[in-house]
Amino acid sequence: MTIETGFDSNYRKVLVAARRARQLQSGSQALIATRSNKACRIAQEEIDAGKIAYVKNNDATVTKPLIEGPAIPILLG
């Protein structure tokens, strides 16, 4: 399992943004100050600011990643 901050494809970036937007709609606080009220736009801005990381998990076990700093990990299977 590795923690990634860069994206290897646009598809992966969209998946991460969608999952983060869902978290925001469920009540999570935004990690950056923004003028937008839309969850999708806030998620995109957080990704562009480097506040969102994702975990590439190649095996079937799920573990909680430890990350340094204020980034939030998004788990991808």
PDB file of N, CA and C in Angstrom:
ATOM      1  N   MET A   1       0.847  -1.161   0.000  1.00  0.00           N
ATOM      2  CA  MET A   1       0.000   0.000   0.000  1.00  0.00           C
ATOM      3  C   MET A   1       0.897   1.230   0.000  1.00  0.00           C
ATOM      4  N   THR A   2       0.595   2.163  -0.894  1.00  0.00           N
ATOM      5  CA  THR A   2       1.375   3.392  -0.969  1.00  0.00           C
ATOM      6  C   THR A   2       0.442   4.596  -0.938  1.00  0.00           C
ATOM      7  N   ILE A   3       0.928   5.680  -0.359  1.00  0.00           N
ATOM      8  CA  ILE A   3       0.169   6.922  -0.332  1.00  0.00           C
ATOM      9  C   ILE A   3       0.661   7.797  -1.467  1.00  0.00           C
ATOM     10  N   GLU A   4      -0.251   8.219  -2.321  1.00  0.00           N
ATOM     11  CA  GLU A   4       0.081   9.000  -3.504  1.00  0.00           C
ATOM     12  C   GLU A   4      -0.526  10.388  -3.391  1.00  0.00           C
ATOM     13  N   THR A   5       0.198  11.386  -3.876  1.00  0.00           N
ATOM     14  CA  THR A   5      -0.362  12.735  -3.936  1.00  0.00           C
ATOM     15  C   THR A   5      -0.501  13.199  -5.374  1.00  0.00           C
ATOM     16  N   GLY A   6       0.279  12.605  -6.283  1.00  0.00           N
ATOM     17  CA  GLY A   6       0.150  12.914  -7.707  1.00  0.00           C
ATOM     18  C   GLY A   6      -0.783  11.908  -8.352  1.00  0.00           C
ATOM     19  N   PHE A   7      -1.341  12.257  -9.487  1.00  0.00           N
ATOM     20  CA  PHE A   7      -2.301  11.379 -10.153  1.00  0.00           C
ATOM     21  C   PHE A   7      -1.701  10.835 -11.437  1.00  0.00           C
ATOM     22  N   ASP A   8      -1.854   9.524 -11.661  1.00  0.00           N
ATOM     23  CA  ASP A   8      -1.329   8.889 -12.857  1.00  0.00           C
ATOM     24  C   ASP A   8      -2.320   8.954 -14.020  1.00  0.00           C
ATOM     25  N   SER A   9      -3.576   9.329 -13.741  1.00  0.00           N
ATOM     26  CA  SER A   9      -4.562   9.461 -14.813  1.00  0.00           C
ATOM     27  C   SER A   9      -5.657  10.438 -14.379  1.00  0.00           C
ATOM     28  N   ASN A  10      -6.337  10.995 -15.356  1.00  0.00           N
ATOM     29  CA  ASN A  10      -7.450  11.884 -15.050  1.00  0.00           C
ATOM     30  C   ASN A  10      -8.606  11.111 -14.415  1.00  0.00           C
ATOM     31  N   TYR A  11      -8.751   9.864 -14.796  1.00  0.00           N
ATOM     32  CA  TYR A  11      -9.811   9.027 -14.231  1.00  0.00           C
ATOM     33  C   TYR A  11      -9.647   8.887 -12.720  1.00  0.00           C
ATOM     34  N   ARG A  12      -8.424   8.636 -12.272  1.00  0.00           N
ATOM     35  CA  ARG A  12      -8.167   8.491 -10.839  1.00  0.00           C
ATOM     36  C   ARG A  12      -8.451   9.811 -10.108  1.00  0.00           C
ATOM     37  N   LYS A  13      -8.091  10.924 -10.731  1.00  0.00           N
ATOM     38  CA  LYS A  13      -8.337  12.227 -10.124  1.00  0.00           C
ATOM     39  C   LYS A  13      -9.837  12.470  -9.957  1.00  0.00           C
ATOM     40  N   VAL A  14     -10.624  12.087 -10.945  1.00  0.00           N
ATOM     41  CA  VAL A  14     -12.078  12.234 -10.864  1.00  0.00           C
ATOM     42  C   VAL A  14     -12.650  11.344  -9.764  1.00  0.00           C
ATOM     43  N   LEU A  15     -12.152  10.116  -9.645  1.00  0.00           N
ATOM     44  CA  LEU A  15     -12.622   9.217  -8.588  1.00  0.00           C
ATOM     45  C   LEU A  15     -12.347   9.798  -7.209  1.00  0.00           C
ATOM     46  N   VAL A  16     -11.138  10.309  -7.012  1.00  0.00           N
ATOM     47  CA  VAL A  16     -10.769  10.883  -5.716  1.00  0.00           C
ATOM     48  C   VAL A  16     -11.623  12.114  -5.424  1.00  0.00           C
ATOM     49  N   ALA A  17     -11.814  12.969  -6.418  1.00  0.00           N
ATOM     50  CA  ALA A  17     -12.628  14.170  -6.226  1.00  0.00           C
ATOM     51  C   ALA A  17     -14.073  13.796  -5.893  1.00  0.00           C
ATOM     52  N   ALA A  18     -14.604  12.775  -6.534  1.00  0.00           N
ATOM     53  CA  ALA A  18     -15.982  12.351  -6.268  1.00  0.00           C
ATOM     54  C   ALA A  18     -16.139  11.822  -4.844  1.00  0.00           C
ATOM     55  N   ARG A  19     -15.165  11.045  -4.399  1.00  0.00           N
ATOM     56  CA  ARG A  19     -15.247  10.521  -3.033  1.00  0.00           C
ATOM     57  C   ARG A  19     -15.099  11.636  -2.001  1.00  0.00           C
ATOM     58  N   ARG A  20     -14.223  12.591  -2.276  1.00  0.00           N
ATOM     59  CA  ARG A  20     -14.061  13.716  -1.355  1.00  0.00           C
ATOM     60  C   ARG A  20     -15.323  14.585  -1.353  1.00  0.00           C
ATOM     61  N   ALA A  21     -15.933  14.786  -2.507  1.00  0.00           N
ATOM     62  CA  ALA A  21     -17.172  15.561  -2.579  1.00  0.00           C
ATOM     63  C   ALA A  21     -18.272  14.886  -1.764  1.00  0.00           C
ATOM     64  N   ARG A  22     -18.316  13.570  -1.816  1.00  0.00           N
ATOM     65  CA  ARG A  22     -19.306  12.832  -1.030  1.00  0.00           C
ATOM     66  C   ARG A  22     -19.053  13.034   0.464  1.00  0.00           C
ATOM     67  N   GLN A  23     -17.778  13.057   0.868  1.00  0.00           N
ATOM     68  CA  GLN A  23     -17.442  13.320   2.271  1.00  0.00           C
ATOM     69  C   GLN A  23     -17.900  14.721   2.680  1.00  0.00           C
ATOM     70  N   LEU A  24     -17.681  15.691   1.800  1.00  0.00           N
ATOM     71  CA  LEU A  24     -18.084  17.067   2.091  1.00  0.00           C
ATOM     72  C   LEU A  24     -19.602  17.177   2.215  1.00  0.00           C
ATOM     73  N   GLN A  25     -20.329  16.484   1.358  1.00  0.00           N
ATOM     74  CA  GLN A  25     -21.790  16.512   1.418  1.00  0.00           C
ATOM     75  C   GLN A  25     -22.314  15.834   2.677  1.00  0.00           C
ATOM     76  N   SER A  26     -21.526  14.925   3.236  1.00  0.00           N
ATOM     77  CA  SER A  26     -21.936  14.221   4.450  1.00  0.00           C
ATOM     78  C   SER A  26     -21.581  14.991   5.720  1.00  0.00           C
ATOM     79  N   GLY A  27     -20.975  16.163   5.564  1.00  0.00           N
ATOM     80  CA  GLY A  27     -20.713  16.996   6.741  1.00  0.00           C
ATOM     81  C   GLY A  27     -19.267  17.277   7.056  1.00  0.00           C
ATOM     82  N   SER A  28     -18.319  16.751   6.303  1.00  0.00           N
ATOM     83  CA  SER A  28     -16.907  17.047   6.545  1.00  0.00           C
ATOM     84  C   SER A  28     -16.623  18.524   6.282  1.00  0.00           C
ATOM     85  N   GLN A  29     -15.654  19.045   6.993  1.00  0.00           N
ATOM     86  CA  GLN A  29     -15.266  20.440   6.815  1.00  0.00           C
ATOM     87  C   GLN A  29     -14.262  20.559   5.675  1.00  0.00           C
ATOM     88  N   ALA A  30     -14.342  21.655   4.941  1.00  0.00           N
ATOM     89  CA  ALA A  30     -13.389  21.914   3.860  1.00  0.00           C
ATOM     90  C   ALA A  30     -12.011  22.198   4.451  1.00  0.00           C
ATOM     91  N   LEU A  31     -10.971  21.754   3.760  1.00  0.00           N
ATOM     92  CA  LEU A  31      -9.600  21.940   4.231  1.00  0.00           C
ATOM     93  C   LEU A  31      -8.998  23.264   3.789  1.00  0.00           C
ATOM     94  N   ILE A  32      -9.675  23.956   2.899  1.00  0.00           N
ATOM     95  CA  ILE A  32      -9.185  25.234   2.407  1.00  0.00           C
ATOM     96  C   ILE A  32     -10.306  26.262   2.457  1.00  0.00           C
ATOM     97  N   ALA A  33      -9.928  27.522   2.467  1.00  0.00           N
ATOM     98  CA  ALA A  33     -10.925  28.584   2.397  1.00  0.00           C
ATOM     99  C   ALA A  33     -11.321  28.765   0.934  1.00  0.00           C
ATOM    100  N   THR A  34     -12.599  28.760   0.665  1.00  0.00           N
ATOM    101  CA  THR A  34     -13.086  28.874  -0.702  1.00  0.00           C
ATOM    102  C   THR A  34     -14.371  29.685  -0.738  1.00  0.00           C
ATOM    103  N   ARG A  35     -14.636  30.272  -1.880  1.00  0.00           N
ATOM    104  CA  ARG A  35     -15.872  31.038  -2.036  1.00  0.00           C
ATOM    105  C   ARG A  35     -17.001  30.159  -2.559  1.00  0.00           C
ATOM    106  N   SER A  36     -16.688  28.978  -3.017  1.00  0.00           N
ATOM    107  CA  SER A  36     -17.679  28.084  -3.604  1.00  0.00           C
ATOM    108  C   SER A  36     -18.472  27.353  -2.519  1.00  0.00           C
ATOM    109  N   ASN A  37     -19.713  27.059  -2.823  1.00  0.00           N
ATOM    110  CA  ASN A  37     -20.555  26.257  -1.938  1.00  0.00           C
ATOM    111  C   ASN A  37     -20.763  24.845  -2.463  1.00  0.00           C
ATOM    112  N   LYS A  38     -20.285  24.582  -3.671  1.00  0.00           N
ATOM    113  CA  LYS A  38     -20.495  23.283  -4.305  1.00  0.00           C
ATOM    114  C   LYS A  38     -19.408  22.299  -3.881  1.00  0.00           C
ATOM    115  N   ALA A  39     -19.839  21.113  -3.467  1.00  0.00           N
ATOM    116  CA  ALA A  39     -18.912  20.105  -2.956  1.00  0.00           C
ATOM    117  C   ALA A  39     -17.899  19.668  -4.010  1.00  0.00           C
ATOM    118  N   CYS A  40     -18.324  19.521  -5.254  1.00  0.00           N
ATOM    119  CA  CYS A  40     -17.407  19.088  -6.319  1.00  0.00           C
ATOM    120  C   CYS A  40     -16.306  20.113  -6.541  1.00  0.00           C
ATOM    121  N   ARG A  41     -16.664  21.371  -6.547  1.00  0.00           N
ATOM    122  CA  ARG A  41     -15.673  22.426  -6.764  1.00  0.00           C
ATOM    123  C   ARG A  41     -14.709  22.529  -5.586  1.00  0.00           C
ATOM    124  N   ILE A  42     -15.222  22.403  -4.376  1.00  0.00           N
ATOM    125  CA  ILE A  42     -14.358  22.439  -3.187  1.00  0.00           C
ATOM    126  C   ILE A  42     -13.381  21.273  -3.227  1.00  0.00           C
ATOM    127  N   ALA A  43     -13.864  20.086  -3.599  1.00  0.00           N
ATOM    128  CA  ALA A  43     -12.993  18.911  -3.684  1.00  0.00           C
ATOM    129  C   ALA A  43     -11.890  19.126  -4.719  1.00  0.00           C
ATOM    130  N   GLN A  44     -12.229  19.698  -5.860  1.00  0.00           N
ATOM    131  CA  GLN A  44     -11.221  19.978  -6.891  1.00  0.00           C
ATOM    132  C   GLN A  44     -10.180  20.976  -6.391  1.00  0.00           C
ATOM    133  N   GLU A  45     -10.627  22.007  -5.694  1.00  0.00           N
ATOM    134  CA  GLU A  45      -9.700  23.002  -5.161  1.00  0.00           C
ATOM    135  C   GLU A  45      -8.797  22.406  -4.092  1.00  0.00           C
ATOM    136  N   GLU A  46      -9.326  21.503  -3.267  1.00  0.00           N
ATOM    137  CA  GLU A  46      -8.511  20.832  -2.259  1.00  0.00           C
ATOM    138  C   GLU A  46      -7.440  19.959  -2.915  1.00  0.00           C
ATOM    139  N   ILE A  47      -7.800  19.267  -3.975  1.00  0.00           N
ATOM    140  CA  ILE A  47      -6.836  18.440  -4.699  1.00  0.00           C
ATOM    141  C   ILE A  47      -5.757  19.308  -5.315  1.00  0.00           C
ATOM    142  N   ASP A  48      -6.149  20.413  -5.948  1.00  0.00           N
ATOM    143  CA  ASP A  48      -5.180  21.316  -6.565  1.00  0.00           C
ATOM    144  C   ASP A  48      -4.245  21.945  -5.530  1.00  0.00           C
ATOM    145  N   ALA A  49      -4.736  22.127  -4.299  1.00  0.00           N
ATOM    146  CA  ALA A  49      -3.923  22.702  -3.229  1.00  0.00           C
ATOM    147  C   ALA A  49      -3.025  21.655  -2.565  1.00  0.00           C
ATOM    148  N   GLY A  50      -3.169  20.381  -2.950  1.00  0.00           N
ATOM    149  CA  GLY A  50      -2.337  19.327  -2.380  1.00  0.00           C
ATOM    150  C   GLY A  50      -2.794  18.866  -1.006  1.00  0.00           C
ATOM    151  N   LYS A  51      -4.044  19.094  -0.673  1.00  0.00           N
ATOM    152  CA  LYS A  51      -4.569  18.717   0.641  1.00  0.00           C
ATOM    153  C   LYS A  51      -5.169  17.320   0.667  1.00  0.00           C
ATOM    154  N   ILE A  52      -5.314  16.687  -0.486  1.00  0.00           N
ATOM    155  CA  ILE A  52      -5.928  15.365  -0.569  1.00  0.00           C
ATOM    156  C   ILE A  52      -4.901  14.371  -1.107  1.00  0.00           C
ATOM    157  N   ALA A  53      -4.756  13.275  -0.396  1.00  0.00           N
ATOM    158  CA  ALA A  53      -3.899  12.178  -0.842  1.00  0.00           C
ATOM    159  C   ALA A  53      -4.786  10.951  -1.019  1.00  0.00           C
ATOM    160  N   TYR A  54      -4.310   9.980  -1.766  1.00  0.00           N
ATOM    161  CA  TYR A  54      -5.077   8.744  -1.902  1.00  0.00           C
ATOM    162  C   TYR A  54      -4.154   7.560  -1.682  1.00  0.00           C
ATOM    163  N   VAL A  55      -4.752   6.439  -1.352  1.00  0.00           N
ATOM    164  CA  VAL A  55      -4.004   5.226  -1.035  1.00  0.00           C
ATOM    165  C   VAL A  55      -4.258   4.207  -2.126  1.00  0.00           C
ATOM    166  N   LYS A  56      -3.183   3.737  -2.748  1.00  0.00           N
ATOM    167  CA  LYS A  56      -3.278   2.640  -3.713  1.00  0.00           C
ATOM    168  C   LYS A  56      -3.088   1.352  -2.942  1.00  0.00           C
ATOM    169  N   ASN A  57      -4.086   0.529  -2.953  1.00  0.00           N
ATOM    170  CA  ASN A  57      -4.053  -0.717  -2.207  1.00  0.00           C
ATOM    171  C   ASN A  57      -4.094  -1.868  -3.195  1.00  0.00           C
ATOM    172  N   ASN A  58      -3.007  -2.597  -3.301  1.00  0.00           N
ATOM    173  CA  ASN A  58      -2.925  -3.693  -4.261  1.00  0.00           C
ATOM    174  C   ASN A  58      -3.326  -5.037  -3.678  1.00  0.00           C
ATOM    175  N   ASP A  59      -3.478  -5.122  -2.362  1.00  0.00           N
ATOM    176  CA  ASP A  59      -3.877  -6.394  -1.777  1.00  0.00           C
ATOM    177  C   ASP A  59      -5.266  -6.262  -1.152  1.00  0.00           C
ATOM    178  N   ALA A  60      -5.786  -7.364  -0.652  1.00  0.00           N
ATOM    179  CA  ALA A  60      -7.158  -7.391  -0.170  1.00  0.00           C
ATOM    180  C   ALA A  60      -7.303  -6.855   1.257  1.00  0.00           C
ATOM    181  N   THR A  61      -6.206  -6.669   1.991  1.00  0.00           N
ATOM    182  CA  THR A  61      -6.316  -6.188   3.364  1.00  0.00           C
ATOM    183  C   THR A  61      -6.485  -4.676   3.389  1.00  0.00           C
ATOM    184  N   VAL A  62      -7.279  -4.216   4.298  1.00  0.00           N
ATOM    185  CA  VAL A  62      -7.501  -2.781   4.440  1.00  0.00           C
ATOM    186  C   VAL A  62      -6.866  -2.332   5.748  1.00  0.00           C
ATOM    187  N   THR A  63      -5.957  -1.396   5.657  1.00  0.00           N
ATOM    188  CA  THR A  63      -5.336  -0.839   6.844  1.00  0.00           C
ATOM    189  C   THR A  63      -5.467   0.660   6.808  1.00  0.00           C
ATOM    190  N   LYS A  64      -5.405   1.274   7.959  1.00  0.00           N
ATOM    191  CA  LYS A  64      -5.518   2.716   8.049  1.00  0.00           C
ATOM    192  C   LYS A  64      -4.148   3.327   7.791  1.00  0.00           C
ATOM    193  N   PRO A  65      -4.015   4.200   6.796  1.00  0.00           N
ATOM    194  CA  PRO A  65      -2.701   4.772   6.483  1.00  0.00           C
ATOM    195  C   PRO A  65      -2.333   5.879   7.453  1.00  0.00           C
ATOM    196  N   LEU A  66      -1.050   6.032   7.688  1.00  0.00           N
ATOM    197  CA  LEU A  66      -0.532   7.135   8.473  1.00  0.00           C
ATOM    198  C   LEU A  66       0.051   8.146   7.510  1.00  0.00           C
ATOM    199  N   ILE A  67      -0.429   9.365   7.550  1.00  0.00           N
ATOM    200  CA  ILE A  67       0.109  10.395   6.674  1.00  0.00           C
ATOM    201  C   ILE A  67       0.553  11.572   7.510  1.00  0.00           C
ATOM    202  N   GLU A  68       1.553  12.262   7.037  1.00  0.00           N
ATOM    203  CA  GLU A  68       2.072  13.429   7.713  1.00  0.00           C
ATOM    204  C   GLU A  68       1.386  14.662   7.164  1.00  0.00           C
ATOM    205  N   GLY A  69       1.073  15.595   7.996  1.00  0.00           N
ATOM    206  CA  GLY A  69       0.517  16.847   7.545  1.00  0.00           C
ATOM    207  C   GLY A  69      -0.998  16.829   7.497  1.00  0.00           C
ATOM    208  N   PRO A  70      -1.591  17.866   6.928  1.00  0.00           N
ATOM    209  CA  PRO A  70      -3.033  18.024   6.978  1.00  0.00           C
ATOM    210  C   PRO A  70      -3.797  17.349   5.846  1.00  0.00           C
ATOM    211  N   ALA A  71      -3.170  16.474   5.060  1.00  0.00           N
ATOM    212  CA  ALA A  71      -3.858  15.824   3.951  1.00  0.00           C
ATOM    213  C   ALA A  71      -4.792  14.733   4.458  1.00  0.00           C
ATOM    214  N   ILE A  72      -5.852  14.501   3.729  1.00  0.00           N
ATOM    215  CA  ILE A  72      -6.816  13.456   4.053  1.00  0.00           C
ATOM    216  C   ILE A  72      -6.651  12.333   3.045  1.00  0.00           C
ATOM    217  N   PRO A  73      -6.461  11.080   3.514  1.00  0.00           N
ATOM    218  CA  PRO A  73      -6.335   9.989   2.552  1.00  0.00           C
ATOM    219  C   PRO A  73      -7.693   9.540   2.029  1.00  0.00           C
ATOM    220  N   ILE A  74      -7.744   9.227   0.752  1.00  0.00           N
ATOM    221  CA  ILE A  74      -8.925   8.661   0.122  1.00  0.00           C
ATOM    222  C   ILE A  74      -8.531   7.249  -0.315  1.00  0.00           C
ATOM    223  N   LEU A  75      -9.262   6.238   0.154  1.00  0.00           N
ATOM    224  CA  LEU A  75      -8.920   4.856  -0.140  1.00  0.00           C
ATOM    225  C   LEU A  75      -9.506   4.435  -1.479  1.00  0.00           C
ATOM    226  N   LEU A  76      -8.659   3.935  -2.360  1.00  0.00           N
ATOM    227  CA  LEU A  76      -9.075   3.386  -3.647  1.00  0.00           C
ATOM    228  C   LEU A  76      -8.715   1.920  -3.673  1.00  0.00           C
ATOM    229  N   GLY A  77      -9.573   1.115  -4.230  1.00  0.00           N
ATOM    230  CA  GLY A  77      -9.337  -0.324  -4.273  1.00  0.00           C
ATOM    231  C   GLY A  77      -8.601  -0.767  -5.475  1.00  0.00           C
TER     232      GLY A  77
END
